[in-house]
């Protein structure tokens, strides 16, 4: 193991691309110590209502519901801004940096030309919604996902059970099919349909390499192959060559070098030209090594705007409603399992913006608290069940175990006496019930959860962490690092730079020590068991076909909105 050259300390950079910002961290190779960080908020954030004027060049190009886009140059700006800021914060000599690695929210897709230029930056395409990055939470491809699932089930496709029996509207094939069918000109003009995790690596090193993680979990790549041309043609004859012309490419192993930093990227970042650039990865999956959770049965929940649950196993099992199980999807030699919840922190944020009266915001400010801290303080004084509410955590659809983004949020039990803190606590509990549903699905399928580790921004809420421990009945530990994904990327950078033989060895040396530990309280566990029964009743009634009201409401919403946006989407030949 070589951790220094010429007797000097060596460092790596990890860059974590989240939903709203990118974070860079400087990490010491020999022990994983985090020495400095930098954050850059995306100027365009998440594009949902209409295309931004500064990119589209025209005002008011409206987007339908369930759309979520981003602007690719915001990602480049993270390299230009956050990386130099992290180096300055660390106070190190940039020449001592030996590698850089990145992680991304998945499945976030970029349509590009052969040289990597995003389609939205190609002349004549800036005013086309389908030319932009489709963020992971773009759920408008649900009809395409439904057709993929129905056809795969009808044909008995062997890959379908690897994804719990259902392909998500968030993933590569559903979004690609939507692009073909709604904007065939953009589809024909793009040369590659690229995960943002791989696109940003391409920007850094000038080489396009598909990472094994997103290829397996989001690209239906199993046992060395994708879905067949025959299957794709049955979906749509023009989709037959999607894999061979738009998707298929060299697949890089996690922890390997995809290439080396170009002169242009060196100028952006202030790093030495020619250092190792690791194969891309996903924010959740890189966090497992950061938490030293790479052994079977260690479930890591990365909790932020959404939650992703990842865990290794020694055997291949079919787990209903999982996001996927991939050989080497987290570390070599083990099966990597993934599940998730599409909305968690997003739900709490939505409620504080739209469901809390001004008096609460004023009281929070007067007490020197933000609104989340204030509501948490109020909710902490309640006994379990005191608010009389049960909520469903589907405000952004359900990723696991129902895999249905036509589902929506629900709160049952409200009365004229219900207060904001009651609803807030019920929403916190709902997300914990969603995680328990996932834990139970793993257990019932022969993949038991032995440890529960939490990373991400929400671990700071101690009430939320205790609720999760009590609801799941599992001891919960938090990762000691505030930048878990970025640290995980840095670990992969050290491996790509040849400083450790593999990710497991690097994780052992560089991974974070545990933070706080939360132990289930027996009486709380019993109380939440009763409430969880009610959650499951609602979960199955609305989510398993007993009542289709949520689906019908989505259909009514789409039919009401489409006439308003049809003219905008028809501009320049883009079908509505």
Protein backbone atom coordinates (compact mmCIF):
# COMPACT_ATOMS: atom_id res chain seq x y z
CA UNK A 1 0.00 0.00 0.00
CA UNK A 2 1.56 3.26 -1.17
CA UNK A 3 0.10 6.34 0.52
CA UNK A 4 2.86 8.82 -0.15
CA UNK A 5 5.42 9.78 -2.73
CA UNK A 6 8.70 11.50 -1.90
CA UNK A 7 7.73 11.35 1.77
CA UNK A 8 4.85 13.83 1.40
CA UNK A 9 1.20 13.40 2.23
CA UNK A 10 -1.11 12.63 -0.69
CA UNK A 11 -4.73 13.63 -1.09
CA UNK A 12 -7.77 12.82 -3.19
CA UNK A 13 -10.90 14.76 -4.09
CA UNK A 14 -14.42 13.38 -3.80
CA UNK A 15 -17.26 15.26 -5.50
CA UNK A 16 -20.87 14.47 -4.62
CA UNK A 17 -23.54 15.68 -7.04
CA UNK A 18 -26.84 15.98 -5.20
CA UNK A 19 -30.26 17.15 -6.29
CA UNK A 20 -29.69 20.85 -5.58
CA UNK A 21 -25.94 21.25 -5.18
CA UNK A 22 -22.52 19.71 -5.63
CA UNK A 23 -20.09 19.18 -2.74
CA UNK A 24 -16.35 18.60 -2.95
CA UNK A 25 -14.18 17.30 -0.13
CA UNK A 26 -10.40 16.99 0.21
CA UNK A 27 -9.41 13.71 1.90
CA UNK A 28 -6.05 12.47 3.12
CA UNK A 29 -5.15 9.16 1.50
CA UNK A 30 -3.51 7.40 4.44
CA UNK A 31 -6.41 7.68 6.90
CA UNK A 32 -9.43 9.32 5.25
CA UNK A 33 -9.25 12.52 7.26
CA UNK A 34 -11.43 15.21 5.69
CA UNK A 35 -9.43 18.42 5.49
CA UNK A 36 -11.61 20.84 3.54
CA UNK A 37 -14.82 21.13 1.59
CA UNK A 38 -16.64 23.36 -0.86
CA UNK A 39 -20.29 23.56 -1.91
CA UNK A 40 -21.88 25.04 -5.00
CA UNK A 41 -25.65 25.42 -5.39
CA UNK A 42 -26.92 24.79 -8.91
CA UNK A 43 -28.06 28.16 -10.31
CA UNK A 44 -31.02 26.53 -12.08
CA UNK A 45 -31.81 24.07 -9.26
CA UNK A 46 -34.52 21.66 -10.44
CA UNK A 47 -36.42 22.85 -13.51
CA UNK A 48 -40.09 21.94 -13.10
CA UNK A 49 -42.42 24.77 -14.10
CA UNK A 50 -40.84 26.07 -17.30
CA UNK A 51 -37.51 26.13 -19.07
CA UNK A 52 -35.14 28.85 -17.81
CA UNK A 53 -35.03 31.89 -20.08
CA UNK A 54 -31.24 32.11 -20.00
CA UNK A 55 -30.94 28.68 -21.62
CA UNK A 56 -34.06 28.39 -23.74
CA UNK A 57 -33.86 31.92 -25.07
CA UNK A 58 -37.62 32.27 -24.86
CA UNK A 59 -39.97 32.92 -21.99
CA UNK A 60 -42.64 30.59 -20.74
CA UNK A 61 -41.89 27.20 -22.30
CA UNK A 62 -44.09 25.32 -19.88
CA UNK A 63 -43.47 21.79 -18.63
CA UNK A 64 -46.10 19.15 -17.86
CA UNK A 65 -46.52 17.75 -14.37
CA UNK A 66 -44.09 15.10 -13.14
CA UNK A 67 -41.22 16.65 -15.15
CA UNK A 68 -37.91 17.41 -13.44
CA UNK A 69 -35.02 18.70 -15.54
CA UNK A 70 -31.59 20.17 -14.90
CA UNK A 71 -29.07 22.28 -16.80
CA UNK A 72 -25.81 20.42 -17.50
CA UNK A 73 -23.51 23.41 -17.21
CA UNK A 74 -24.52 23.67 -13.55
CA UNK A 75 -22.60 20.42 -13.08
CA UNK A 76 -19.47 21.85 -14.72
CA UNK A 77 -19.72 24.85 -12.42
CA UNK A 78 -19.36 22.55 -9.43
CA UNK A 79 -15.92 21.59 -10.77
CA UNK A 80 -15.04 25.24 -11.36
CA UNK A 81 -16.31 26.47 -7.99
CA UNK A 82 -16.57 23.77 -5.33
CA UNK A 83 -13.31 21.95 -6.05
CA UNK A 84 -11.06 25.04 -5.83
CA UNK A 85 -12.99 26.13 -2.74
CA UNK A 86 -12.36 22.77 -1.08
CA UNK A 87 -8.64 22.94 -1.86
CA UNK A 88 -8.46 26.46 -0.44
CA UNK A 89 -10.38 25.38 2.65
CA UNK A 90 -7.99 22.46 3.18
CA UNK A 91 -4.96 24.66 2.70
CA UNK A 92 -3.08 21.98 0.74
CA UNK A 93 -0.82 22.19 -2.27
CA UNK A 94 -2.93 21.04 -5.26
CA UNK A 95 0.10 19.21 -6.64
CA UNK A 96 -0.29 16.69 -3.78
CA UNK A 97 -3.68 15.55 -5.12
CA UNK A 98 -3.39 12.19 -6.89
CA UNK A 99 -6.97 11.44 -7.92
CA UNK A 100 -10.55 12.64 -8.20
CA UNK A 101 -13.83 10.74 -8.19
CA UNK A 102 -17.47 11.75 -8.49
CA UNK A 103 -20.86 10.35 -7.57
CA UNK A 104 -24.30 11.33 -8.80
CA UNK A 105 -27.97 10.97 -8.08
CA UNK A 106 -29.29 8.18 -10.31
CA UNK A 107 -30.97 7.73 -12.65
CA UNK A 108 -30.17 11.21 -14.07
CA UNK A 109 -29.90 11.12 -17.88
CA UNK A 110 -28.21 13.43 -20.38
CA UNK A 111 -28.85 13.28 -24.14
CA UNK A 112 -25.55 14.13 -25.85
CA UNK A 113 -23.76 14.29 -29.18
CA UNK A 114 -20.84 11.99 -29.99
CA UNK A 115 -18.34 14.41 -28.43
CA UNK A 116 -20.32 14.69 -25.17
CA UNK A 117 -22.02 18.02 -25.93
CA UNK A 118 -25.43 18.04 -24.21
CA UNK A 119 -28.32 18.32 -26.64
CA UNK A 120 -29.63 21.40 -24.84
CA UNK A 121 -26.38 23.17 -25.85
CA UNK A 122 -26.78 22.28 -29.53
CA UNK A 123 -28.08 25.09 -31.73
CA UNK A 124 -31.81 24.81 -32.25
CA UNK A 125 -32.49 22.57 -29.26
CA UNK A 126 -32.33 24.95 -26.28
CA UNK A 127 -36.10 25.40 -26.32
CA UNK A 128 -36.90 21.67 -26.34
CA UNK A 129 -37.64 20.18 -22.91
CA UNK A 130 -36.48 16.74 -24.00
CA UNK A 131 -33.01 18.11 -24.82
CA UNK A 132 -32.26 18.77 -21.13
CA UNK A 133 -31.04 16.54 -18.33
CA UNK A 134 -33.82 14.38 -16.93
CA UNK A 135 -33.28 14.31 -13.17
CA UNK A 136 -33.83 11.11 -11.20
CA UNK A 137 -37.19 12.40 -9.99
CA UNK A 138 -38.51 13.00 -13.50
CA UNK A 139 -41.54 10.68 -13.32
CA UNK A 140 -43.31 11.57 -16.57
CA UNK A 141 -42.23 8.30 -18.19
CA UNK A 142 -44.58 6.19 -16.06
CA UNK A 143 -46.72 5.14 -19.06
CA UNK A 144 -43.58 3.88 -20.80
CA UNK A 145 -42.47 2.07 -17.64
CA UNK A 146 -45.88 0.42 -17.40
CA UNK A 147 -45.54 -0.91 -20.95
CA UNK A 148 -42.01 -2.17 -20.30
CA UNK A 149 -43.20 -4.02 -17.20
CA UNK A 150 -46.28 -5.49 -18.84
CA UNK A 151 -44.35 -6.74 -21.86
CA UNK A 152 -41.49 -8.13 -19.76
CA UNK A 153 -43.93 -10.01 -17.52
CA UNK A 154 -45.87 -11.33 -20.52
CA UNK A 155 -42.68 -12.61 -22.17
CA UNK A 156 -41.12 -13.90 -18.95
CA UNK A 157 -37.96 -11.85 -19.42
CA UNK A 158 -35.26 -13.32 -17.19
CA UNK A 159 -33.97 -9.92 -16.06
CA UNK A 160 -37.27 -8.70 -14.59
CA UNK A 161 -36.99 -10.58 -11.24
CA UNK A 162 -33.61 -8.94 -10.65
CA UNK A 163 -35.56 -5.67 -10.27
CA UNK A 164 -38.23 -6.98 -7.95
CA UNK A 165 -40.58 -7.55 -10.89
CA UNK A 166 -40.93 -3.90 -11.89
CA UNK A 167 -38.86 -1.35 -13.83
CA UNK A 168 -39.13 2.25 -12.60
CA UNK A 169 -40.15 5.28 -14.62
CA UNK A 170 -36.97 6.89 -13.24
CA UNK A 171 -34.68 4.56 -15.18
CA UNK A 172 -32.84 4.67 -18.49
CA UNK A 173 -35.15 2.66 -20.72
CA UNK A 174 -38.44 4.29 -19.67
CA UNK A 175 -37.01 7.79 -20.03
CA UNK A 176 -35.38 6.89 -23.34
CA UNK A 177 -38.63 5.51 -24.72
CA UNK A 178 -40.47 8.65 -23.61
CA UNK A 179 -37.90 10.77 -25.47
CA UNK A 180 -38.36 8.73 -28.65
CA UNK A 181 -42.13 8.87 -28.57
CA UNK A 182 -42.60 12.49 -27.54
CA UNK A 183 -39.71 14.16 -29.40
CA UNK A 184 -38.43 11.84 -32.14
CA UNK A 185 -36.27 14.59 -33.68
CA UNK A 186 -34.33 15.07 -30.46
CA UNK A 187 -34.04 11.30 -30.12
CA UNK A 188 -32.64 11.02 -33.63
CA UNK A 189 -30.22 13.90 -33.10
CA UNK A 190 -28.68 12.61 -29.88
CA UNK A 191 -25.85 10.12 -30.28
CA UNK A 192 -25.67 8.84 -26.72
CA UNK A 193 -28.08 8.48 -23.80
CA UNK A 194 -25.70 8.96 -20.88
CA UNK A 195 -25.98 8.77 -17.12
CA UNK A 196 -24.90 12.08 -15.59
CA UNK A 197 -22.55 10.06 -13.39
CA UNK A 198 -20.67 9.07 -16.55
CA UNK A 199 -21.09 12.39 -18.35
CA UNK A 200 -19.27 14.34 -15.63
CA UNK A 201 -16.40 11.82 -15.71
CA UNK A 202 -16.31 12.29 -19.50
CA UNK A 203 -15.97 16.04 -18.89
CA UNK A 204 -13.06 15.41 -16.52
CA UNK A 205 -11.00 12.92 -18.49
CA UNK A 206 -12.25 13.11 -22.08
CA UNK A 207 -13.24 9.42 -22.09
CA UNK A 208 -16.74 7.98 -21.99
CA UNK A 209 -16.95 4.90 -19.76
CA UNK A 210 -20.24 3.49 -18.45
CA UNK A 211 -20.02 2.67 -14.76
CA UNK A 212 -21.05 -0.81 -13.70
CA UNK A 213 -23.33 0.52 -10.95
CA UNK A 214 -25.81 2.51 -13.04
CA UNK A 215 -25.56 0.07 -15.94
CA UNK A 216 -26.73 -2.70 -13.63
CA UNK A 217 -29.27 -0.90 -11.46
CA UNK A 218 -30.70 1.62 -13.93
CA UNK A 219 -29.73 0.26 -17.35
CA UNK A 220 -31.08 -3.32 -17.07
CA UNK A 221 -27.59 -4.75 -17.68
CA UNK A 222 -27.55 -8.26 -16.21
CA UNK A 223 -25.29 -11.25 -16.86
CA UNK A 224 -23.37 -9.32 -19.50
CA UNK A 225 -26.28 -8.19 -21.65
CA UNK A 226 -29.15 -5.74 -22.01
CA UNK A 227 -32.76 -6.47 -23.05
CA UNK A 228 -32.88 -7.91 -26.56
CA UNK A 229 -33.63 -6.04 -29.79
CA UNK A 230 -36.69 -8.25 -30.16
CA UNK A 231 -38.02 -7.02 -26.83
CA UNK A 232 -37.30 -3.38 -27.66
CA UNK A 233 -38.92 -3.65 -31.09
CA UNK A 234 -42.06 -5.04 -29.45
CA UNK A 235 -42.24 -1.87 -27.36
CA UNK A 236 -41.79 0.37 -30.39
CA UNK A 237 -40.22 -0.63 -33.74
CA UNK A 238 -38.11 2.56 -33.73
CA UNK A 239 -36.74 1.57 -30.30
CA UNK A 240 -35.22 -1.66 -31.61
CA UNK A 241 -31.64 -0.37 -31.82
CA UNK A 242 -31.75 1.78 -28.67
CA UNK A 243 -29.06 -0.29 -26.95
CA UNK A 244 -26.71 -0.62 -29.92
CA UNK A 245 -26.95 3.01 -31.10
CA UNK A 246 -27.67 5.07 -27.98
CA UNK A 247 -26.69 3.11 -24.87
CA UNK A 248 -24.14 0.33 -25.25
CA UNK A 249 -20.56 1.24 -24.38
CA UNK A 250 -17.50 0.08 -22.45
CA UNK A 251 -18.41 -0.68 -18.85
CA UNK A 252 -15.90 0.26 -16.17
CA UNK A 253 -15.46 -1.54 -12.86
CA UNK A 254 -16.04 0.52 -9.73
CA UNK A 255 -12.77 1.83 -8.34
CA UNK A 256 -10.94 1.65 -11.67
CA UNK A 257 -9.60 4.71 -13.48
CA UNK A 258 -11.82 5.84 -16.35
CA UNK A 259 -8.99 8.06 -17.59
CA UNK A 260 -6.84 10.98 -16.52
CA UNK A 261 -7.56 14.65 -15.93
CA UNK A 262 -7.45 16.71 -19.10
CA UNK A 263 -5.80 20.11 -19.40
CA UNK A 264 -9.21 21.78 -19.67
CA UNK A 265 -10.54 20.09 -16.53
CA UNK A 266 -7.27 20.83 -14.73
CA UNK A 267 -7.83 24.51 -15.48
CA UNK A 268 -11.41 24.29 -14.13
CA UNK A 269 -10.43 22.60 -10.90
CA UNK A 270 -6.90 23.82 -10.20
CA UNK A 271 -5.75 20.19 -9.99
CA UNK A 272 -2.73 18.66 -11.73
CA UNK A 273 -3.28 17.50 -15.28
CA UNK A 274 -2.99 13.73 -15.66
CA UNK A 275 -4.17 12.59 -12.22
CA UNK A 276 -6.50 9.57 -12.06
CA UNK A 277 -10.23 10.07 -12.65
CA UNK A 278 -12.26 7.20 -11.20
CA UNK A 279 -15.12 5.46 -12.97
CA UNK A 280 -18.38 7.19 -12.03
CA UNK A 281 -20.69 5.94 -9.32
CA UNK A 282 -23.95 6.59 -7.47
CA UNK A 283 -24.21 8.66 -4.30
CA UNK A 284 -25.78 5.86 -2.28
CA UNK A 285 -23.45 3.11 -3.38
CA UNK A 286 -20.24 5.03 -2.70
CA UNK A 287 -21.50 5.81 0.80
CA UNK A 288 -21.37 2.18 1.92
CA UNK A 289 -17.54 2.14 1.86
CA UNK A 290 -17.51 5.57 3.52
CA UNK A 291 -19.52 4.06 6.38
CA UNK A 292 -17.29 0.95 6.47
CA UNK A 293 -20.45 -1.00 5.66
CA UNK A 294 -19.30 -3.36 2.94
CA UNK A 295 -20.12 -6.69 4.60
CA UNK A 296 -23.35 -8.67 4.07
CA UNK A 297 -26.33 -7.52 6.13
CA UNK A 298 -25.16 -3.95 6.72
CA UNK A 299 -27.97 -1.76 5.39
CA UNK A 300 -26.97 1.84 4.65
CA UNK A 301 -29.75 4.40 4.24
CA UNK A 302 -28.62 7.62 2.59
CA UNK A 303 -31.26 10.09 3.70
CA UNK A 304 -31.68 13.41 1.95
CA UNK A 305 -34.31 14.69 -0.46
CA UNK A 306 -34.95 11.01 -1.10
CA UNK A 307 -33.57 7.89 0.57
CA UNK A 308 -31.59 5.11 -1.06
CA UNK A 309 -31.05 1.84 0.81
CA UNK A 310 -28.06 -0.30 -0.20
CA UNK A 311 -26.72 -3.55 1.20
CA UNK A 312 -24.43 -6.40 0.22
CA UNK A 313 -25.35 -10.07 0.24
CA UNK A 314 -23.53 -13.30 -0.43
CA UNK A 315 -26.37 -14.88 -2.41
CA UNK A 316 -28.65 -13.84 -5.25
CA UNK A 317 -32.23 -13.44 -4.04
CA UNK A 318 -35.31 -12.04 -5.71
CA UNK A 319 -36.73 -9.29 -3.50
CA UNK A 320 -40.13 -7.88 -4.54
CA UNK A 321 -40.08 -4.21 -5.45
CA UNK A 322 -36.32 -3.73 -5.17
CA UNK A 323 -34.48 -1.27 -7.39
CA UNK A 324 -32.14 -4.06 -8.35
CA UNK A 325 -29.58 -6.65 -7.36
CA UNK A 326 -26.27 -6.45 -9.21
CA UNK A 327 -23.17 -8.63 -9.05
CA UNK A 328 -20.44 -6.32 -7.75
CA UNK A 329 -22.87 -3.40 -7.66
CA UNK A 330 -21.25 -1.99 -4.51
CA UNK A 331 -18.03 -3.99 -4.07
CA UNK A 332 -16.51 -6.85 -6.01
CA UNK A 333 -17.41 -10.37 -4.94
CA UNK A 334 -20.81 -9.62 -3.39
CA UNK A 335 -24.32 -9.04 -4.67
CA UNK A 336 -25.31 -5.40 -4.17
CA UNK A 337 -28.97 -4.79 -3.30
CA UNK A 338 -30.72 -1.44 -3.70
CA UNK A 339 -34.09 -0.12 -2.61
CA UNK A 340 -35.35 3.39 -2.06
CA UNK A 341 -37.96 6.00 -1.22
CA UNK A 342 -38.55 8.71 -3.82
CA UNK A 343 -39.46 11.38 -1.31
CA UNK A 344 -38.22 11.93 2.24
CA UNK A 345 -36.55 15.28 2.92
CA UNK A 346 -38.46 16.63 -0.08
CA UNK A 347 -41.70 15.83 1.74
CA UNK A 348 -40.64 17.60 4.91
CA UNK A 349 -39.46 20.61 2.87
CA UNK A 350 -42.71 20.73 0.89
CA UNK A 351 -44.75 20.75 4.08
CA UNK A 352 -42.76 23.54 5.75
CA UNK A 353 -43.12 25.69 2.63
CA UNK A 354 -46.77 25.05 1.97
CA UNK A 355 -48.44 23.79 5.13
CA UNK A 356 -47.07 25.88 8.00
CA UNK A 357 -48.64 29.24 8.89
CA UNK A 358 -46.54 32.44 9.19
CA UNK A 359 -46.90 32.49 12.98
CA UNK A 360 -44.85 29.31 13.22
CA UNK A 361 -42.10 30.70 11.02
CA UNK A 362 -42.04 33.85 13.13
CA UNK A 363 -41.85 31.88 16.38
CA UNK A 364 -39.01 29.76 14.98
CA UNK A 365 -37.06 32.85 13.95
CA UNK A 366 -37.64 34.45 17.34
CA UNK A 367 -36.17 31.36 18.98
CA UNK A 368 -33.16 31.28 16.67
CA UNK A 369 -34.35 28.07 15.02
CA UNK A 370 -35.14 27.11 11.46
CA UNK A 371 -38.67 25.87 10.84
CA UNK A 372 -37.63 22.19 10.82
CA UNK A 373 -35.93 22.54 14.21
CA UNK A 374 -38.96 24.35 15.62
CA UNK A 375 -41.46 21.77 14.41
CA UNK A 376 -39.21 18.93 15.59
CA UNK A 377 -39.04 20.51 19.04
CA UNK A 378 -42.84 20.72 19.21
CA UNK A 379 -43.32 17.20 17.84
CA UNK A 380 -40.80 15.75 20.31
CA UNK A 381 -43.16 16.54 23.17
CA UNK A 382 -45.87 14.23 21.82
CA UNK A 383 -46.57 10.68 22.85
CA UNK A 384 -46.60 8.13 20.02
CA UNK A 385 -50.02 8.20 18.38
CA UNK A 386 -51.11 11.37 20.19
CA UNK A 387 -51.72 13.23 16.93
CA UNK A 388 -54.18 10.59 15.69
CA UNK A 389 -52.70 10.57 12.17
CA UNK A 390 -51.28 8.13 9.65
CA UNK A 391 -49.58 9.38 6.48
CA UNK A 392 -48.43 7.70 3.28
CA UNK A 393 -44.99 8.90 2.16
CA UNK A 394 -45.79 8.92 -1.57
CA UNK A 395 -45.66 12.63 -2.37
CA UNK A 396 -43.04 11.80 -5.01
CA UNK A 397 -44.46 8.37 -5.82
CA UNK A 398 -43.29 5.03 -4.43
CA UNK A 399 -39.93 3.61 -5.45
CA UNK A 400 -39.88 0.53 -3.19
CA UNK A 401 -41.64 -1.76 -2.82
CA UNK A 402 -44.52 -0.79 -5.10
CA UNK A 403 -42.46 0.90 -7.85
CA UNK A 404 -45.30 3.19 -8.85
CA UNK A 405 -44.85 6.91 -9.36
CA UNK A 406 -48.54 7.45 -10.05
CA UNK A 407 -49.15 7.10 -6.31
CA UNK A 408 -49.44 10.23 -4.19
CA UNK A 409 -49.26 11.43 -0.60
CA UNK A 410 -52.02 11.01 1.96
CA UNK A 411 -52.73 12.01 5.57
CA UNK A 412 -55.60 10.27 7.38
CA UNK A 413 -57.09 11.38 10.68
CA UNK A 414 -57.02 15.17 10.38
CA UNK A 415 -59.57 17.14 12.40
CA UNK A 416 -60.13 20.79 13.18
CA UNK A 417 -57.79 20.28 16.14
CA UNK A 418 -54.88 19.05 14.00
CA UNK A 419 -51.83 21.30 14.21
CA UNK A 420 -48.79 21.67 11.91
CA UNK A 421 -46.51 19.82 14.33
CA UNK A 422 -48.94 16.88 14.28
CA UNK A 423 -48.74 16.57 10.50
CA UNK A 424 -44.99 17.11 10.56
CA UNK A 425 -44.49 14.25 12.99
CA UNK A 426 -46.86 12.03 11.01
CA UNK A 427 -44.78 12.67 7.88
CA UNK A 428 -41.56 11.83 9.74
CA UNK A 429 -43.17 8.58 10.90
CA UNK A 430 -44.51 7.79 7.43
CA UNK A 431 -41.02 7.78 5.95
CA UNK A 432 -39.88 5.47 8.77
CA UNK A 433 -42.80 3.14 7.98
CA UNK A 434 -41.69 3.17 4.35
CA UNK A 435 -38.19 2.11 5.39
CA UNK A 436 -39.60 -0.66 7.59
CA UNK A 437 -41.58 -1.94 4.60
CA UNK A 438 -38.28 -2.23 2.72
CA UNK A 439 -36.49 -3.91 5.65
CA UNK A 440 -39.33 -6.43 5.96
CA UNK A 441 -39.17 -7.18 2.23
CA UNK A 442 -35.45 -7.92 2.48
CA UNK A 443 -35.97 -10.18 5.50
CA UNK A 444 -38.90 -12.06 3.98
CA UNK A 445 -36.82 -12.74 0.85
CA UNK A 446 -33.90 -14.25 2.72
CA UNK A 447 -31.68 -11.16 2.84
CA UNK A 448 -31.77 -10.23 6.53
CA UNK A 449 -30.75 -6.78 7.73
CA UNK A 450 -28.27 -7.12 10.60
CA UNK A 451 -27.15 -3.51 10.99
CA UNK A 452 -28.82 -0.20 10.11
CA UNK A 453 -26.54 2.75 9.30
CA UNK A 454 -27.74 6.21 8.28
CA UNK A 455 -25.87 8.80 6.23
CA UNK A 456 -26.97 12.05 4.64
CA UNK A 457 -28.24 15.41 5.77
CA UNK A 458 -31.23 14.16 7.77
CA UNK A 459 -29.17 12.30 10.37
CA UNK A 460 -28.89 15.58 12.28
CA UNK A 461 -32.56 15.28 13.32
CA UNK A 462 -32.34 13.20 16.48
CA UNK A 463 -36.11 12.76 16.77
CA UNK A 464 -36.21 11.36 13.24
CA UNK A 465 -33.36 8.94 13.98
CA UNK A 466 -35.05 7.67 17.16
CA UNK A 467 -38.32 7.21 15.28
CA UNK A 468 -36.52 5.10 12.66
CA UNK A 469 -34.89 2.96 15.37
CA UNK A 470 -38.22 2.46 17.13
CA UNK A 471 -40.19 1.76 13.95
CA UNK A 472 -37.68 -0.75 12.53
CA UNK A 473 -36.72 -2.25 15.88
CA UNK A 474 -33.07 -2.02 14.81
CA UNK A 475 -30.19 -0.28 16.53
CA UNK A 476 -29.34 2.67 14.32
CA UNK A 477 -25.91 4.20 13.98
CA UNK A 478 -25.06 7.30 11.99
CA UNK A 479 -21.98 7.82 9.87
CA UNK A 480 -19.47 10.15 11.49
CA UNK A 481 -18.83 12.10 8.30
CA UNK A 482 -21.09 14.96 7.26
CA UNK A 483 -20.07 14.31 3.66
CA UNK A 484 -20.61 10.56 3.33
CA UNK A 485 -21.01 10.33 -0.47
CA UNK A 486 -18.11 12.70 -1.13
CA UNK A 487 -15.93 10.69 1.26
CA UNK A 488 -17.01 7.52 -0.52
CA UNK A 489 -16.04 9.01 -3.85
CA UNK A 490 -12.67 10.00 -2.40
CA UNK A 491 -12.15 6.38 -1.34
CA UNK A 492 -12.77 5.29 -4.94
CA UNK A 493 -10.36 7.99 -6.14
CA UNK A 494 -7.64 6.55 -3.93
CA UNK A 495 -8.20 3.10 -5.43
CA UNK A 496 -8.22 4.51 -8.98
CA UNK A 497 -4.92 6.25 -8.21
CA UNK A 498 -3.39 2.95 -7.16
CA UNK A 499 -3.04 3.83 -3.48
CA UNK A 500 -5.06 0.81 -2.30
CA UNK A 501 -5.60 -2.57 -3.97
CA UNK A 502 -9.39 -2.44 -3.83
CA UNK A 503 -12.38 -0.59 -2.38
CA UNK A 504 -12.64 -2.83 0.69
CA UNK A 505 -9.05 -2.12 1.69
CA UNK A 506 -9.50 1.59 1.10
CA UNK A 507 -12.74 1.61 3.12
CA UNK A 508 -11.01 -0.07 6.06
CA UNK A 509 -8.34 2.65 6.12
CA UNK A 510 -10.30 5.69 5.01
CA UNK A 511 -13.91 5.03 6.07
CA UNK A 512 -15.60 7.13 8.72
CA UNK A 513 -15.98 6.12 12.35
CA UNK A 514 -19.60 5.84 13.57
CA UNK A 515 -21.38 8.90 14.89
CA UNK A 516 -24.39 8.79 17.21
CA UNK A 517 -26.13 5.52 18.08
CA UNK A 518 -29.90 5.19 18.65
CA UNK A 519 -31.28 2.14 20.45
CA UNK A 520 -34.94 1.08 20.06
CA UNK A 521 -37.07 1.70 23.15
CA UNK A 522 -39.22 -1.43 23.75
CA UNK A 523 -42.43 0.42 24.62
CA UNK A 524 -41.97 2.69 21.58
CA UNK A 525 -41.42 -0.34 19.35
CA UNK A 526 -44.70 -1.84 20.59
CA UNK A 527 -46.58 1.43 20.04
CA UNK A 528 -45.24 1.81 16.51
CA UNK A 529 -46.08 -1.82 15.71
CA UNK A 530 -49.74 -0.89 16.16
CA UNK A 531 -49.45 2.20 13.96
CA UNK A 532 -47.50 0.26 11.33
CA UNK A 533 -50.43 -2.12 10.95
CA UNK A 534 -52.59 0.86 10.00
CA UNK A 535 -49.91 2.14 7.62
CA UNK A 536 -49.81 -1.25 5.90
CA UNK A 537 -53.60 -1.26 5.57
CA UNK A 538 -53.48 2.06 3.74
CA UNK A 539 -50.33 1.02 1.83
CA UNK A 540 -51.98 -2.07 0.39
CA UNK A 541 -55.42 -0.50 -0.15
CA UNK A 542 -54.12 2.40 -2.23
CA UNK A 543 -50.94 0.81 -3.56
CA UNK A 544 -51.87 -2.73 -4.54
CA UNK A 545 -54.90 -2.18 -6.71
CA UNK A 546 -57.73 -2.31 -4.17
CA UNK A 547 -58.52 1.32 -4.99
CA UNK A 548 -57.20 3.13 -8.07
CA UNK A 549 -58.22 6.64 -6.98
CA UNK A 550 -54.63 7.94 -6.97
CA UNK A 551 -54.07 6.74 -10.53
CA UNK A 552 -57.36 8.24 -11.68
CA UNK A 553 -56.51 11.59 -10.13
CA UNK A 554 -53.15 11.63 -11.97
CA UNK A 555 -54.95 10.95 -15.24
CA UNK A 556 -57.44 13.74 -14.57
CA UNK A 557 -54.57 16.10 -13.73
CA UNK A 558 -52.73 15.31 -16.96
CA UNK A 559 -55.83 15.80 -19.09
CA UNK A 560 -56.49 19.16 -17.42
CA UNK A 561 -52.94 20.46 -17.78
CA UNK A 562 -52.00 19.26 -21.27
CA UNK A 563 -54.16 21.77 -23.20
CA UNK A 564 -52.37 24.59 -21.36
CA UNK A 565 -48.90 23.40 -22.30
CA UNK A 566 -49.63 21.78 -25.65
CA UNK A 567 -48.90 24.87 -27.72
CA UNK A 568 -45.51 25.37 -26.05
CA UNK A 569 -44.43 21.76 -26.53
CA UNK A 570 -45.62 21.79 -30.14
CA UNK A 571 -43.25 24.66 -30.91
CA UNK A 572 -40.54 23.64 -33.36
CA UNK A 573 -42.24 20.31 -33.96
CA UNK A 574 -42.09 18.89 -30.42
CA UNK A 575 -45.22 16.78 -29.90
CA UNK A 576 -47.28 17.45 -26.77
